[in-house]
Protein backbone atom coordinates (compact mmCIF):
# COMPACT_ATOMS: atom_id res chain seq x y z
CA MET A 1 23.64 0.78 -20.17
CA ALA A 2 20.99 1.25 -17.55
CA ARG A 3 19.03 4.42 -18.02
CA ARG A 4 18.71 7.18 -15.51
CA VAL A 5 15.53 7.23 -13.41
CA THR A 6 13.99 10.16 -11.54
CA MET A 7 11.04 9.32 -9.14
CA LEU A 8 8.34 11.76 -8.15
CA LEU A 9 7.06 10.56 -4.78
CA PRO A 10 4.79 12.28 -2.44
CA TYR A 11 6.14 10.34 0.47
CA TYR A 12 9.56 8.65 1.17
CA PRO A 13 11.22 7.39 4.42
CA PRO A 14 11.40 8.37 7.07
CA ASP A 15 7.77 9.05 6.19
CA VAL A 16 5.51 6.16 7.18
CA ALA A 17 3.40 5.91 3.98
CA ALA A 18 3.32 2.40 2.59
CA ASP A 19 3.88 3.74 -0.98
CA GLY A 20 6.98 5.59 -0.03
CA GLN A 21 8.42 2.56 1.73
CA LEU A 22 7.82 0.34 -1.25
CA PHE A 23 9.37 2.74 -3.75
CA SER A 24 12.37 3.25 -1.46
CA LEU A 25 13.01 -0.51 -1.74
CA LEU A 26 12.61 -0.41 -5.55
CA ALA A 27 14.85 2.66 -5.81
CA ARG A 28 17.69 0.88 -3.80
CA GLU A 29 17.37 -2.18 -6.06
CA LEU A 30 17.46 -0.31 -9.23
CA VAL A 31 20.61 1.41 -8.14
CA LYS A 32 22.08 -2.10 -7.69
CA LEU A 33 21.12 -2.88 -11.26
CA GLY A 34 23.15 0.07 -12.40
CA HIS A 35 20.54 2.85 -12.83
CA PRO A 36 21.57 6.34 -11.62
CA LEU A 37 18.53 7.19 -9.54
CA ARG A 38 17.19 10.53 -8.00
CA VAL A 39 14.11 10.76 -5.68
CA LEU A 40 12.28 14.11 -5.73
CA THR A 41 10.05 14.13 -2.73
CA TRP A 42 8.70 16.19 0.09
CA ARG A 43 9.05 16.59 3.75
CA PRO A 44 7.64 13.79 6.05
CA ARG A 45 4.05 14.64 6.79
CA TYR A 46 1.86 11.52 6.15
CA GLN A 47 -1.30 11.52 8.39
CA GLY A 48 0.29 13.96 10.78
CA VAL A 49 3.37 11.77 11.43
CA THR A 50 6.32 14.02 11.34
CA ALA A 51 10.09 13.19 11.24
CA LYS A 52 13.16 15.23 10.62
CA ALA A 53 14.88 14.52 7.36
CA PRO A 54 17.55 16.52 5.51
CA SER A 55 16.72 18.31 2.29
CA ARG A 56 19.48 16.47 0.51
CA GLU A 57 21.13 13.10 1.17
CA THR A 58 22.24 9.93 -0.51
CA VAL A 59 21.06 6.71 0.91
CA ASP A 60 22.06 3.29 -0.65
CA GLY A 61 23.21 5.15 -3.68
CA VAL A 62 19.90 6.88 -4.15
CA GLU A 63 19.98 10.68 -4.30
CA ILE A 64 17.18 12.23 -2.37
CA ARG A 65 15.95 15.79 -2.72
CA ARG A 66 13.18 16.90 -0.25
CA MET A 67 10.94 19.98 -0.73
CA TRP A 68 8.66 21.84 1.52
CA ALA A 69 4.85 21.10 1.03
CA PRO A 70 1.72 22.04 2.81
CA ARG A 71 0.06 19.32 4.88
CA GLY A 72 -3.25 19.78 2.98
CA GLY A 73 -5.64 18.81 5.67
CA LYS A 74 -8.88 16.94 5.29
CA SER A 75 -10.84 19.60 3.40
CA LEU A 76 -11.30 19.39 -0.34
CA ILE A 77 -9.79 22.89 -0.73
CA GLY A 78 -6.77 21.89 1.39
CA ARG A 79 -6.08 18.70 -0.51
CA ALA A 80 -6.55 20.39 -3.83
CA PHE A 81 -4.05 23.07 -2.91
CA ALA A 82 -1.52 20.48 -1.75
CA ALA A 83 -1.93 18.57 -4.97
CA TRP A 84 -1.43 21.72 -6.99
CA TRP A 85 1.60 22.63 -4.88
CA LEU A 86 3.23 19.14 -5.27
CA THR A 87 2.50 19.14 -9.09
CA LYS A 88 3.92 22.68 -9.76
CA LEU A 89 7.19 21.97 -7.77
CA ALA A 90 7.47 18.42 -9.37
CA PHE A 91 7.21 19.77 -12.88
CA TRP A 92 10.13 22.25 -12.48
CA ARG A 93 12.36 19.90 -10.64
CA ALA A 94 11.70 17.06 -12.98
CA LEU A 95 12.31 19.20 -15.91
CA LEU A 96 15.89 19.80 -14.62
CA SER A 97 16.55 16.22 -13.36
CA GLY A 98 16.57 14.16 -16.62
CA GLY A 99 15.95 10.47 -17.07
CA VAL A 100 12.84 8.26 -17.13
CA LEU A 101 10.27 9.62 -14.84
CA LEU A 102 8.37 7.38 -12.50
CA MET A 103 5.53 8.51 -10.40
CA PRO A 104 2.53 6.92 -8.49
CA SER A 105 -1.17 7.65 -9.07
CA SER A 106 -1.70 9.76 -5.93
CA PRO A 107 -2.28 12.59 -6.24
CA PRO A 108 -3.51 12.00 -9.90
CA THR A 109 -2.25 15.48 -10.89
CA LEU A 110 1.20 14.23 -10.25
CA GLY A 111 0.95 12.05 -13.36
CA LEU A 112 0.38 15.28 -15.48
CA VAL A 113 4.10 16.10 -15.01
CA GLY A 114 4.99 13.03 -17.03
CA TRP A 115 2.21 13.87 -19.64
CA TRP A 116 3.40 17.46 -19.98
CA LEU A 117 7.10 16.51 -20.27
CA SER A 118 6.32 13.81 -22.77
CA TRP A 119 5.78 16.57 -25.38
CA ILE A 120 9.45 17.44 -25.23
CA GLY A 121 10.58 13.74 -25.45
CA ARG A 122 10.69 12.54 -21.85
CA ARG A 123 9.56 9.09 -21.12
CA TYR A 124 7.50 8.21 -17.95
CA ILE A 125 6.05 5.25 -16.01
CA TYR A 126 2.80 5.88 -14.29
CA VAL A 127 2.20 3.46 -11.53
CA LEU A 128 -1.54 3.14 -11.00
CA HIS A 129 -2.23 2.19 -7.32
CA ASP A 130 -5.92 3.59 -7.31
CA VAL A 131 -8.05 3.96 -10.25
CA HIS A 132 -9.78 7.46 -9.83
CA PRO A 133 -12.27 8.84 -9.85
CA ASP A 134 -13.97 5.40 -10.09
CA LEU A 135 -12.55 4.40 -6.60
CA GLY A 136 -13.93 7.49 -4.96
CA ILE A 137 -17.38 6.81 -6.51
CA ALA A 138 -17.36 3.23 -5.44
CA LEU A 139 -16.49 4.17 -1.94
CA LYS A 140 -19.38 6.82 -2.08
CA ARG A 141 -16.70 9.53 -1.33
CA MET A 142 -17.51 11.21 -4.57
CA LYS A 143 -20.52 11.66 -6.88
CA PRO A 144 -20.51 11.64 -10.65
CA GLY A 145 -20.29 15.15 -11.65
CA LEU A 146 -17.77 18.06 -12.38
CA LEU A 147 -15.03 16.90 -9.98
CA ALA A 148 -15.26 13.23 -11.07
CA GLY A 149 -15.30 14.32 -14.71
CA LEU A 150 -12.16 16.46 -14.09
CA LEU A 151 -10.35 13.58 -12.37
CA ARG A 152 -11.39 11.21 -15.25
CA PHE A 153 -10.04 13.77 -17.80
CA ILE A 154 -6.62 13.93 -15.84
CA GLN A 155 -6.41 10.13 -15.64
CA ARG A 156 -7.00 9.72 -19.34
CA ARG A 157 -4.08 12.06 -19.96
CA ASN A 158 -1.87 10.32 -17.55
CA LEU A 159 -2.53 7.10 -19.13
CA ALA A 160 -2.31 8.27 -22.85
CA ARG A 161 1.37 8.89 -23.43
CA GLY A 162 3.46 6.96 -20.92
CA GLN A 163 4.00 3.42 -19.85
CA THR A 164 1.44 2.39 -17.16
CA VAL A 165 1.97 -0.25 -14.39
CA THR A 166 -0.95 -1.65 -12.48
CA LEU A 167 -0.99 -4.05 -9.54
CA THR A 168 -3.58 -6.53 -10.82
CA GLU A 169 -5.18 -7.71 -14.07
CA GLY A 170 -8.48 -6.15 -12.93
CA MET A 171 -6.86 -2.84 -12.49
CA LYS A 172 -5.34 -3.24 -15.89
CA GLN A 173 -8.71 -3.67 -17.46
CA ALA A 174 -10.10 -0.69 -15.56
CA ALA A 175 -7.23 1.53 -16.87
CA LEU A 176 -7.92 0.34 -20.45
CA GLN A 177 -11.53 1.26 -20.00
CA LEU A 178 -10.47 4.78 -19.03
CA GLN A 179 -7.87 4.95 -21.86
CA PRO A 180 -8.05 2.31 -24.54
CA LYS A 181 -4.63 3.53 -25.90
CA ALA A 182 -2.72 2.97 -22.79
CA ARG A 183 0.22 0.72 -22.60
CA VAL A 184 -0.19 -1.34 -19.51
CA GLU A 185 1.83 -3.86 -17.77
CA VAL A 186 0.93 -5.75 -14.55
CA ILE A 187 3.59 -5.81 -11.82
CA PRO A 188 2.36 -6.63 -8.42
CA ASN A 189 3.80 -4.91 -5.32
CA TRP A 190 6.85 -6.48 -3.67
CA VAL A 191 8.51 -7.21 -0.42
CA ASP A 192 12.09 -7.46 0.82
CA LEU A 193 12.31 -11.21 1.61
CA ALA A 194 15.56 -10.77 3.42
CA ALA A 195 14.37 -8.01 5.71
CA ILE A 196 11.10 -9.61 6.60
CA GLN A 197 11.82 -13.16 7.74
CA PRO A 198 9.38 -15.50 9.58
CA ARG A 199 9.92 -15.49 13.26
CA PRO A 200 7.87 -16.79 16.25
CA LYS A 201 5.71 -14.37 18.16
CA ALA A 202 7.64 -15.07 21.32
CA GLU A 203 10.76 -13.47 19.67
CA SER A 204 8.87 -10.26 18.67
CA GLU A 205 10.02 -7.24 20.86
CA PHE A 206 6.82 -5.55 19.98
CA ALA A 207 4.82 -8.56 21.38
CA ARG A 208 6.74 -8.76 24.49
CA ASN A 209 6.66 -5.08 25.30
CA ASN A 210 2.95 -5.07 24.90
CA ASP A 211 1.90 -8.24 26.49
CA LEU A 212 0.88 -9.94 23.36
CA ILE A 213 2.67 -13.28 23.78
CA LYS A 214 0.00 -15.23 25.44
CA PRO A 215 -3.33 -14.27 23.78
CA PHE A 216 -4.34 -15.24 20.30
CA VAL A 217 -3.51 -11.98 18.47
CA ILE A 218 -5.37 -10.77 15.35
CA GLN A 219 -3.47 -7.88 13.71
CA TYR A 220 -4.44 -5.04 11.42
CA SER A 221 -1.41 -3.04 10.48
CA GLY A 222 -1.40 -0.06 8.16
CA ASN A 223 -3.77 2.62 7.04
CA LEU A 224 -7.15 2.48 8.51
CA GLY A 225 -8.54 4.06 5.43
CA LEU A 226 -11.81 4.31 3.57
CA LEU A 227 -10.81 1.39 1.42
CA HIS A 228 -10.93 -1.01 4.36
CA PRO A 229 -14.12 -2.30 6.12
CA LEU A 230 -13.17 -2.90 9.74
CA ASP A 231 -16.48 -2.31 11.75
CA GLY A 232 -17.36 -6.11 11.57
CA LEU A 233 -13.89 -7.18 12.75
CA THR A 234 -14.01 -4.64 15.66
CA ARG A 235 -17.43 -5.95 16.75
CA ALA A 236 -16.54 -9.68 16.40
CA MET A 237 -13.99 -9.16 19.38
CA ALA A 238 -17.01 -9.01 21.75
CA GLU A 239 -17.51 -12.65 20.91
CA LEU A 240 -13.75 -13.62 21.11
CA PRO A 241 -12.93 -12.56 24.75
CA GLU A 242 -10.02 -15.04 24.73
CA ALA A 243 -8.39 -13.29 21.67
CA MET A 244 -6.85 -9.81 21.04
CA LEU A 245 -7.19 -7.46 18.18
CA THR A 246 -4.46 -4.86 17.62
CA TYR A 247 -4.70 -2.02 15.17
CA THR A 248 -1.28 -0.45 14.31
CA GLY A 249 -1.56 2.73 12.24
CA ARG A 250 -3.68 5.74 11.48
CA GLY A 251 -6.22 6.78 8.92
CA ALA A 252 -9.60 8.20 8.20
CA LYS A 253 -11.39 5.45 10.15
CA LEU A 254 -9.15 5.55 13.25
CA GLY A 255 -11.43 7.73 15.23
CA ALA A 256 -14.64 5.82 14.40
CA THR A 257 -12.89 2.54 15.11
CA ARG A 258 -11.78 3.80 18.48
CA GLU A 259 -15.20 4.87 19.32
CA LEU A 260 -16.62 1.49 18.29
CA ALA A 261 -14.04 -0.31 20.39
CA LYS A 262 -14.25 1.81 23.51
CA ASP A 263 -16.17 -0.87 25.51
CA THR A 264 -14.21 -3.78 24.18
CA PRO A 265 -11.11 -4.27 26.30
CA ASN A 266 -9.46 -6.81 23.93
CA VAL A 267 -9.08 -4.26 21.20
CA ARG A 268 -5.90 -2.25 21.37
CA PHE A 269 -4.37 0.60 19.32
CA PHE A 270 -0.84 1.36 18.44
CA ASP A 271 0.71 4.16 16.30
CA TYR A 272 2.83 3.47 13.22
CA GLN A 273 5.99 1.53 13.85
CA PRO A 274 9.23 2.61 12.30
CA PHE A 275 10.02 1.00 8.84
CA ASP A 276 13.17 -0.74 10.39
CA ARG A 277 10.95 -2.47 12.84
CA LEU A 278 8.34 -3.70 10.48
CA ALA A 279 9.33 -7.34 10.56
CA ASP A 280 9.28 -7.32 14.32
CA SER A 281 5.83 -5.72 14.56
CA LEU A 282 4.46 -8.06 11.83
CA ALA A 283 5.57 -11.04 13.87
CA ALA A 284 3.47 -9.83 16.80
CA CYS A 285 0.35 -11.70 15.86
CA ASP A 286 -1.09 -15.10 15.03
CA LEU A 287 -3.43 -13.92 12.30
CA ALA A 288 -3.18 -10.86 10.11
CA VAL A 289 -6.09 -9.02 8.41
CA VAL A 290 -6.40 -7.52 4.99
CA ALA A 291 -9.65 -5.80 4.22
CA LEU A 292 -11.18 -4.41 0.91
CA GLU A 293 -14.47 -2.83 0.38
CA PRO A 294 -16.74 -4.75 -2.13
CA GLY A 295 -16.85 -1.90 -4.67
CA ALA A 296 -13.04 -1.49 -4.65
CA ASP A 297 -12.07 -4.65 -6.30
CA ARG A 298 -10.46 -4.02 -9.73
CA LEU A 299 -9.80 -0.40 -8.53
CA ALA A 300 -7.16 -0.95 -5.80
CA MET A 301 -5.05 -3.62 -4.07
CA PRO A 302 -3.93 -3.30 -0.40
CA SER A 303 -0.16 -3.07 -0.19
CA LYS A 304 0.00 -4.65 3.34
CA LEU A 305 -0.51 -8.26 1.81
CA GLN A 306 3.07 -8.80 0.77
CA GLY A 307 4.54 -8.05 4.21
CA ILE A 308 2.18 -10.30 5.83
CA LEU A 309 3.03 -13.12 3.52
CA ALA A 310 6.70 -12.71 3.98
CA ALA A 311 6.32 -12.68 7.73
CA ALA A 312 4.62 -16.16 7.27
CA ARG A 313 1.42 -15.04 8.96
CA PRO A 314 -2.03 -16.63 7.94
CA VAL A 315 -4.26 -14.06 6.34
CA LEU A 316 -7.87 -13.16 7.26
CA VAL A 317 -9.35 -11.63 4.16
CA LEU A 318 -12.42 -9.49 4.45
CA ALA A 319 -13.50 -8.97 0.95
CA PRO A 320 -15.69 -10.61 -1.75
CA ARG A 321 -14.77 -14.11 -2.74
CA SER A 322 -14.71 -13.03 -6.39
CA SER A 323 -12.10 -10.44 -5.71
CA GLU A 324 -8.54 -10.83 -6.79
CA LEU A 325 -7.31 -10.43 -3.31
CA ALA A 326 -9.45 -13.36 -2.16
CA ARG A 327 -8.43 -15.45 -5.13
CA ILE A 328 -4.74 -15.00 -4.48
CA VAL A 329 -4.99 -16.12 -0.89
CA THR A 330 -7.46 -18.93 -1.72
CA ASP A 331 -5.45 -20.28 -4.50
CA ALA A 332 -2.14 -20.37 -2.45
CA ASP A 333 -4.12 -21.64 0.63
CA CYS A 334 -2.45 -19.16 2.87
CA GLY A 335 -5.51 -17.76 4.62
CA ILE A 336 -9.30 -17.58 4.94
CA VAL A 337 -11.83 -15.42 3.29
CA VAL A 338 -14.90 -13.97 4.97
CA GLU A 339 -17.21 -12.33 2.35
CA GLY A 340 -19.46 -10.58 4.91
CA SER A 341 -17.09 -7.97 6.15
CA ALA A 342 -19.81 -6.44 8.34
CA ASP A 343 -20.98 -9.71 9.80
CA ALA A 344 -19.22 -9.92 13.24
CA ARG A 345 -20.54 -13.39 14.09
CA GLN A 346 -19.38 -14.81 10.81
CA ILE A 347 -15.90 -13.24 11.40
CA ALA A 348 -15.80 -14.51 14.99
CA GLU A 349 -16.62 -17.97 13.92
CA ALA A 350 -13.99 -18.04 11.30
CA VAL A 351 -11.36 -16.72 13.71
CA ARG A 352 -12.44 -19.20 16.44
CA ASN A 353 -12.21 -22.24 13.96
CA LEU A 354 -8.55 -21.20 13.25
CA GLN A 355 -7.74 -20.64 16.74
CA GLN A 356 -8.82 -24.07 17.61
CA ASP A 357 -6.61 -25.67 14.75
CA PRO A 358 -2.89 -24.95 15.44
CA ARG A 359 -1.94 -27.38 12.73
CA ARG A 360 -4.06 -25.66 10.08
CA LEU A 361 -2.61 -22.33 11.16
CA GLN A 362 0.99 -23.68 10.58
CA THR A 363 0.11 -24.87 7.15
CA LEU A 364 -1.36 -21.45 6.14
CA ALA A 365 1.77 -19.72 7.54
CA ALA A 366 4.06 -21.93 5.48
CA ASN A 367 2.03 -21.39 2.37
CA ALA A 368 1.98 -17.63 2.95
CA ARG A 369 5.88 -17.44 2.94
CA GLY A 370 5.94 -19.77 -0.04
CA LEU A 371 3.67 -17.47 -2.04
CA ALA A 372 5.84 -14.35 -1.03
CA GLU A 373 8.95 -16.07 -2.20
CA LYS A 374 7.36 -17.30 -5.40
CA THR A 375 5.53 -14.28 -6.51
CA PHE A 376 6.31 -11.10 -4.61
CA GLY A 377 10.20 -10.92 -4.27
CA LEU A 378 11.79 -7.47 -4.45
CA ALA A 379 14.53 -8.55 -6.76
CA ALA A 380 12.11 -9.96 -9.30
CA ALA A 381 10.01 -6.74 -9.31
CA ALA A 382 13.13 -4.62 -9.69
CA GLY A 383 14.29 -6.65 -12.64
CA ARG A 384 10.85 -6.12 -14.41
CA TYR A 385 10.98 -2.31 -13.65
CA SER A 386 14.60 -2.20 -14.92
CA SER A 387 13.66 -3.80 -18.21
CA LEU A 388 10.73 -1.46 -18.58
CA VAL A 389 12.88 1.53 -17.92
CA ASN A 390 15.45 0.47 -20.47
CA SER A 391 12.87 -0.33 -23.12
CA LEU A 392 11.54 3.21 -23.16
């Protein structure tokens, strides 16, 4: 018999956070596989985007319970307080919910709920999306010291007693370096292949409404976060006056990116699109961008890749050629890699070469969808999670 699952999720639809959207798909599929499933989450609040949602509802067989939480803000004290609040509430609600616990790695303190409850026999799955504190140090947002040591201590506890899932082999090795005793399985992120189907740009309502049909459109969709180097891409548009770059989303780099692009008319910005319009917005481009800071390989993997592949869009990767992200795209021949993410001229040249080769673009697009179907289908990922849950 399929075991009960309780997910502890900082974000869940209608919130726009990518992790919440991914786990909502997984929850729906696990219910189809027979797992009674409850989601314990908080009110929509991701990056200032608010939406009304009931405190209790059932969607696609998934019981959803939403709690109040502070927004946290950008300060260290605010984020620490928000993490403490989420962890405190999650512990008591999870204690009373039963079943195998499943939680992501952000905030890292949330994983402690699984570690604490494991001492009374609860089983848990810790989904490691970001390897902290190593990622913060690599991005130069944190220095080795007391805070980093505390986060490393927490991560080692989180990894010690539960089942860990990472997105890549490199992340698995990073987890094992933190905690050699960890039980780690690699399950890449997934995409709903039925919901996101290839469609011509001319059929995209988003493209039609925003005059994006005629120009060659390069799209960056999702979190404009510290993990993603975007300055070179933005500057490259000055050398590509016949093309258009669209940023769709928010994040820590949004303000700086807007400022950098203020004198570049072929760079446009849009807010997050609703989850049910994701397929339409992903179709509103000719080339889609995934960017990863050089120091972040083996510590994180952008979740936007799978949606791009499912939409059959060629991928422009701004990352080291040695990274797993670059290898995935290169091996499947579904995009191009520019290692110099800060080199605007190199990026512009790579885009221009593709723009002038429609046949090559068609080949990359077909290969992108093929890779999504072969490797990143939702049903396959749910089957692996189901087996993992039932084995605990």
